[in-house]
Amino acid sequence: MPQVLRVISLFVVAIWLGATVFFTLGVGPGLFSAEVLQLMPRYHVGRVAQVLLRSFFWLQIACAGLSVLLMLAGWAYASRPPRRWVLGLLAALTALVLLGGESIQPRLRDLHTVMYAPDTTLDQKTAATQGFRRWHAVSQIGNLFVLLGVVVYFIHLAAPAGPRPASKYPVAYY
């Protein structure tokens, strides 16, 4: 992979990693802190979190997509496929981001609406609250896997390029 593609890849993954760390360790806990909950009702804080999560989802999709395109550009340049584990890692990260943004987050939005709707019964609110807690835990675990995966990919890109084990292909740096 030419140096310019590697630098651009590092830049994209650094943005992805920084945004994920900031959102996970800064925005999320900050939104639901005691100080914020004194200013706004929990329902409104939850709605703000949903809006921010949607923007974060699109940022992650952009970073994942650019990472894949840059890897494919490196593949085209070197005429050799990337390492399978790297390809698998990026595919898994992209799939997790898509699953979270297009499946889990809409489900959480719907459950949140039921939890706070004035015309729902106590049983409906209880069921929605339990469902919300379960899906939120799944979402957090998925986010943790994405965070760890992006860290691994960043370290892989940042490591000094060296020759790969002997193969039938010419040496390329990924």
Foldseek 3Di string as FASTA:
>chain_A
DDPVLLVVLLVLLVVLLVLLCCCVVPVVCVLPDPVNCVVDPPLVSVVVNLVVVLVNLVSQLVSLVSNVVSQVVLCVVQVHHDDPVLVVLSVLLNVLSCCLNVPLSVLLVVLSCQLPPPPHDPVSNVVSVVVNVVSVVVSVVSSVSSNVSSVVNSCQSPDDFDFDPDDPGDTDTD
